[in-house]
Amino acid sequence: MWQSVLDAVDVAGSTGLKVLDLGGGTGSDAVRLAQAGHDVTIVDPSPDALASLERRSADATRAGDVPGTVQGLLGDTTDLLQHVEAGSFDLALCHGVLEHVDDPGQALSVVSSALRPGGHASVVVAGRLAGVVARALAGDFAAATRMYSTDLAHWDTRSMGPRRFVVAELDELLVTHGLTPVASHALRVFADLVPSALVDIEPGARDALYALERLVADHGDFTALSAGLQSIARLDSA
């Protein structure tokens, strides 16, 4: 996922980017970015996740393959700018965050504030239409109908669980908070629907499934139906 971000912002061969990973947890993306030569700051509300990040980063450093840096800070979207300097990051990752925060708009606002003009954000959210399909295939037609009929403004996380988005809602949120969408990708179009027994038993099935996911990742029609919606957006210069 992180590689698609670097490709989209046309910096795949660059090093030394300042990267903010909001809610980055144990650092699976952060360590890989540091191995690619970037300096990553994770802000996460879980002390346990940050402890795992520290161990993961230390292991990678001992292996001698981390030219960049990784820093973990305890915090969340409500106090982000108390921990990092506004306008100081080239790239912000906001993956799996907007589904859970009290106010997705507030979260994107602080992400925008943390970016320098011309910087980019990668935002990943759960896709609503994929949830509708999954519930229909499971025979829960009432839940599928309710999910399809409930827009973001009326989503009740207490009764419906984490928010799910459609592409237009995500794009509107980004634009409202000063971010211009420049690319979108489909994540897990098929993976959540294919029985695990099939990919675990059939020789070569897992690799073929991943290849199919990569093939359709940039196709707009599939993006709408994917379990994960990824948007790359740019903070335009003033």
Protein backbone atom coordinates (compact mmCIF):
# COMPACT_ATOMS: atom_id res chain seq x y z
CA MET A 1 0.00 0.00 0.00
CA TRP A 2 2.75 2.45 0.94
CA GLN A 3 4.54 1.83 -2.37
CA SER A 4 1.42 2.84 -4.30
CA VAL A 5 1.47 6.10 -2.33
CA LEU A 6 5.05 6.89 -3.33
CA ASP A 7 4.29 5.99 -6.93
CA ALA A 8 1.21 8.21 -6.99
CA VAL A 9 3.04 11.27 -5.68
CA ASP A 10 5.91 10.65 -8.12
CA VAL A 11 8.57 10.32 -5.44
CA ALA A 12 9.17 6.57 -5.59
CA GLY A 13 12.88 7.13 -6.26
CA SER A 14 13.29 9.95 -3.75
CA THR A 15 14.57 9.64 -0.20
CA GLY A 16 14.43 11.79 2.90
CA LEU A 17 10.72 12.57 2.87
CA LYS A 18 9.17 13.57 6.19
CA VAL A 19 6.23 11.22 6.64
CA LEU A 20 3.44 11.34 9.21
CA ASP A 21 1.73 8.02 9.88
CA LEU A 22 -1.42 8.82 11.83
CA GLY A 23 -2.69 5.78 13.69
CA GLY A 24 0.25 3.78 12.31
CA GLY A 25 0.20 1.37 15.22
CA THR A 26 2.97 -1.22 15.23
CA GLY A 27 4.69 0.36 12.24
CA SER A 28 4.40 -2.19 9.45
CA ASP A 29 4.27 0.64 6.87
CA ALA A 30 6.57 2.98 8.80
CA VAL A 31 9.52 0.57 8.99
CA ARG A 32 9.27 -0.19 5.28
CA LEU A 33 9.24 3.54 4.50
CA ALA A 34 12.28 4.04 6.75
CA GLN A 35 14.01 1.20 4.92
CA ALA A 36 13.34 3.17 1.73
CA GLY A 37 15.17 6.16 3.25
CA HIS A 38 12.31 8.24 4.64
CA ASP A 39 11.88 9.73 8.11
CA VAL A 40 8.61 8.58 9.65
CA THR A 41 6.70 9.87 12.67
CA ILE A 42 3.91 7.65 13.96
CA VAL A 43 1.23 9.20 16.15
CA ASP A 44 -0.96 6.53 17.75
CA PRO A 45 -3.16 6.39 20.89
CA SER A 46 -2.07 2.86 21.89
CA PRO A 47 0.98 2.48 24.19
CA ASP A 48 1.06 -1.24 23.38
CA ALA A 49 1.19 -0.56 19.63
CA LEU A 50 4.01 1.95 20.10
CA ALA A 51 5.95 -0.57 22.21
CA SER A 52 5.63 -3.09 19.37
CA LEU A 53 6.75 -0.37 16.94
CA GLU A 54 9.86 0.25 19.02
CA ARG A 55 10.75 -3.45 18.98
CA ARG A 56 10.09 -3.72 15.24
CA SER A 57 12.19 -0.66 14.49
CA ALA A 58 15.02 -1.86 16.74
CA ASP A 59 15.08 -5.25 15.01
CA ALA A 60 15.26 -3.61 11.60
CA THR A 61 18.00 -1.23 12.75
CA ARG A 62 20.08 -4.11 14.09
CA ALA A 63 19.75 -5.76 10.68
CA GLY A 64 21.42 -2.66 9.27
CA ASP A 65 18.89 -1.87 6.55
CA VAL A 66 17.15 1.30 7.81
CA PRO A 67 18.66 4.48 6.32
CA GLY A 68 15.64 6.49 7.45
CA THR A 69 14.24 7.02 10.94
CA VAL A 70 11.11 5.99 12.84
CA GLN A 71 9.70 7.92 15.79
CA GLY A 72 6.61 6.95 17.78
CA LEU A 73 4.49 9.49 19.67
CA LEU A 74 1.48 8.86 21.90
CA GLY A 75 -1.46 10.90 20.65
CA ASP A 76 -4.42 11.00 18.29
CA THR A 77 -6.28 13.31 15.93
CA THR A 78 -7.51 15.54 18.74
CA ASP A 79 -4.05 16.56 19.94
CA LEU A 80 -1.89 15.88 16.87
CA LEU A 81 -0.59 19.44 16.52
CA GLN A 82 0.60 19.38 20.12
CA HIS A 83 3.06 16.67 19.10
CA VAL A 84 4.14 17.66 15.60
CA GLU A 85 4.85 20.94 13.86
CA ALA A 86 2.24 22.30 11.49
CA GLY A 87 3.27 22.42 7.83
CA SER A 88 6.25 20.13 8.35
CA PHE A 89 5.42 16.89 6.51
CA ASP A 90 5.77 15.93 2.86
CA LEU A 91 3.42 12.97 3.14
CA ALA A 92 0.73 11.92 5.62
CA LEU A 93 -0.75 8.44 5.91
CA CYS A 94 -4.25 8.24 7.37
CA HIS A 95 -5.10 4.57 6.97
CA GLY A 96 -8.02 3.02 8.82
CA VAL A 97 -8.55 6.11 10.97
CA LEU A 98 -11.65 7.93 9.69
CA GLU A 99 -13.85 4.90 10.36
CA HIS A 100 -13.26 5.19 14.11
CA VAL A 101 -12.69 8.83 15.10
CA ASP A 102 -15.48 10.96 16.57
CA ASP A 103 -15.23 13.50 13.73
CA PRO A 104 -13.69 12.49 10.37
CA GLY A 105 -13.68 16.11 9.21
CA GLN A 106 -11.67 17.23 12.23
CA ALA A 107 -9.18 14.41 11.59
CA LEU A 108 -8.65 15.47 7.98
CA SER A 109 -8.33 19.08 9.06
CA VAL A 110 -5.35 18.31 11.30
CA VAL A 111 -3.84 16.10 8.60
CA SER A 112 -4.01 19.06 6.22
CA SER A 113 -2.48 21.33 8.87
CA ALA A 114 0.46 18.97 9.32
CA LEU A 115 1.32 18.97 5.60
CA ARG A 116 3.51 21.49 3.84
CA PRO A 117 1.96 23.20 0.78
CA GLY A 118 2.25 20.73 -2.09
CA GLY A 119 2.43 17.78 0.29
CA HIS A 120 0.30 14.67 -0.15
CA ALA A 121 -1.99 12.56 2.00
CA SER A 122 -2.94 8.93 1.56
CA VAL A 123 -6.34 8.19 3.08
CA VAL A 124 -7.69 4.65 3.32
CA VAL A 125 -11.22 3.89 4.52
CA ALA A 126 -13.60 0.94 4.49
CA GLY A 127 -15.86 0.76 1.44
CA ARG A 128 -19.61 0.73 2.04
CA LEU A 129 -20.70 -1.06 -1.13
CA ALA A 130 -18.36 -3.97 -0.39
CA GLY A 131 -20.00 -4.25 3.01
CA VAL A 132 -23.42 -4.31 1.37
CA VAL A 133 -22.33 -7.12 -0.96
CA ALA A 134 -20.76 -9.12 1.89
CA ARG A 135 -23.92 -8.94 3.99
CA ALA A 136 -26.13 -9.86 1.07
CA LEU A 137 -23.96 -12.89 0.28
CA ALA A 138 -24.25 -13.92 3.93
CA GLY A 139 -28.04 -13.77 3.66
CA ASP A 140 -28.45 -10.76 5.96
CA PHE A 141 -30.54 -8.73 3.55
CA ALA A 142 -31.89 -6.38 6.22
CA ALA A 143 -28.37 -5.35 7.26
CA ALA A 144 -27.36 -4.99 3.62
CA THR A 145 -30.35 -2.73 2.96
CA ARG A 146 -29.68 -0.59 6.02
CA MET A 147 -26.01 -0.17 5.15
CA TYR A 148 -26.80 0.79 1.56
CA SER A 149 -29.46 3.27 2.65
CA THR A 150 -27.44 5.05 5.37
CA ASP A 151 -25.15 7.83 4.24
CA LEU A 152 -22.13 9.06 6.15
CA ALA A 153 -23.98 11.94 7.80
CA HIS A 154 -26.46 9.54 9.43
CA TRP A 155 -24.09 6.71 10.30
CA ASP A 156 -24.48 5.47 13.89
CA THR A 157 -21.22 3.82 14.93
CA ARG A 158 -22.81 2.42 18.09
CA SER A 159 -25.34 0.28 16.25
CA MET A 160 -23.66 -0.12 12.85
CA GLY A 161 -20.00 -0.36 13.79
CA PRO A 162 -17.14 1.57 12.14
CA ARG A 163 -18.10 3.96 9.36
CA ARG A 164 -18.05 2.85 5.76
CA PHE A 165 -17.65 5.28 2.88
CA VAL A 166 -18.48 5.59 -0.78
CA VAL A 167 -16.00 7.30 -3.07
CA ALA A 168 -18.00 10.53 -3.44
CA GLU A 169 -18.21 10.99 0.35
CA LEU A 170 -14.47 10.54 0.78
CA ASP A 171 -13.69 12.94 -2.06
CA GLU A 172 -16.06 15.55 -0.61
CA LEU A 173 -14.40 15.30 2.81
CA LEU A 174 -10.96 15.72 1.27
CA VAL A 175 -11.95 18.76 -0.79
CA THR A 176 -13.76 20.37 2.14
CA HIS A 177 -10.55 20.22 4.15
CA GLY A 178 -8.25 21.62 1.51
CA LEU A 179 -7.05 18.41 -0.14
CA THR A 180 -7.36 17.78 -3.87
CA PRO A 181 -7.80 14.09 -4.85
CA VAL A 182 -5.25 13.11 -7.48
CA ALA A 183 -5.50 9.29 -7.57
CA SER A 184 -7.64 6.49 -6.19
CA HIS A 185 -7.04 2.78 -5.75
CA ALA A 186 -9.16 -0.25 -4.99
CA LEU A 187 -7.96 -2.36 -2.07
CA ARG A 188 -9.25 -5.89 -1.44
CA VAL A 189 -11.78 -6.06 -4.24
CA PHE A 190 -11.90 -9.87 -4.11
CA ALA A 191 -9.81 -10.91 -1.11
CA ASP A 192 -12.60 -10.56 1.46
CA LEU A 193 -15.05 -12.51 -0.70
CA VAL A 194 -12.91 -15.46 -1.80
CA PRO A 195 -13.07 -18.39 0.68
CA SER A 196 -9.79 -18.71 2.57
CA ALA A 197 -9.84 -22.48 2.04
CA LEU A 198 -9.54 -21.93 -1.69
CA VAL A 199 -6.44 -19.73 -1.55
CA ASP A 200 -4.85 -21.83 1.20
CA ILE A 201 -5.26 -25.18 -0.55
CA GLU A 202 -5.17 -24.50 -4.28
CA PRO A 203 -1.52 -24.23 -5.47
CA GLY A 204 -0.72 -20.75 -6.73
CA ALA A 205 -4.16 -19.40 -5.87
CA ARG A 206 -2.93 -16.77 -3.41
CA ASP A 207 -0.40 -15.33 -5.86
CA ALA A 208 -3.03 -15.33 -8.61
CA LEU A 209 -5.48 -13.53 -6.33
CA TYR A 210 -2.91 -10.85 -5.46
CA ALA A 211 -2.09 -10.43 -9.15
CA LEU A 212 -5.78 -9.95 -9.92
CA GLU A 213 -6.08 -7.37 -7.13
CA ARG A 214 -3.16 -5.41 -8.61
CA LEU A 215 -4.68 -5.65 -12.09
CA VAL A 216 -7.96 -3.97 -11.10
CA ALA A 217 -6.60 -1.61 -8.43
CA ASP A 218 -6.78 1.48 -10.65
CA HIS A 219 -10.09 0.69 -12.34
CA GLY A 220 -12.73 3.13 -11.15
CA ASP A 221 -15.64 0.74 -11.38
CA PHE A 222 -13.89 -1.76 -9.15
CA THR A 223 -12.82 0.95 -6.73
CA ALA A 224 -16.43 1.64 -5.86
CA LEU A 225 -16.91 -2.02 -4.90
CA SER A 226 -13.66 -2.55 -3.01
CA ALA A 227 -13.47 -3.31 0.70
CA GLY A 228 -10.84 -0.61 1.04
CA LEU A 229 -10.93 2.79 -0.69
CA GLN A 230 -7.61 4.57 -1.03
CA SER A 231 -7.39 8.19 -2.13
CA ILE A 232 -4.18 10.10 -2.71
CA ALA A 233 -4.73 13.84 -2.30
CA ARG A 234 -2.55 16.94 -2.54
CA LEU A 235 -2.50 20.02 -0.34
CA ASP A 236 -2.31 22.79 -2.92
CA SER A 237 -0.07 25.77 -2.38
CA ALA A 238 -1.76 28.89 -1.10
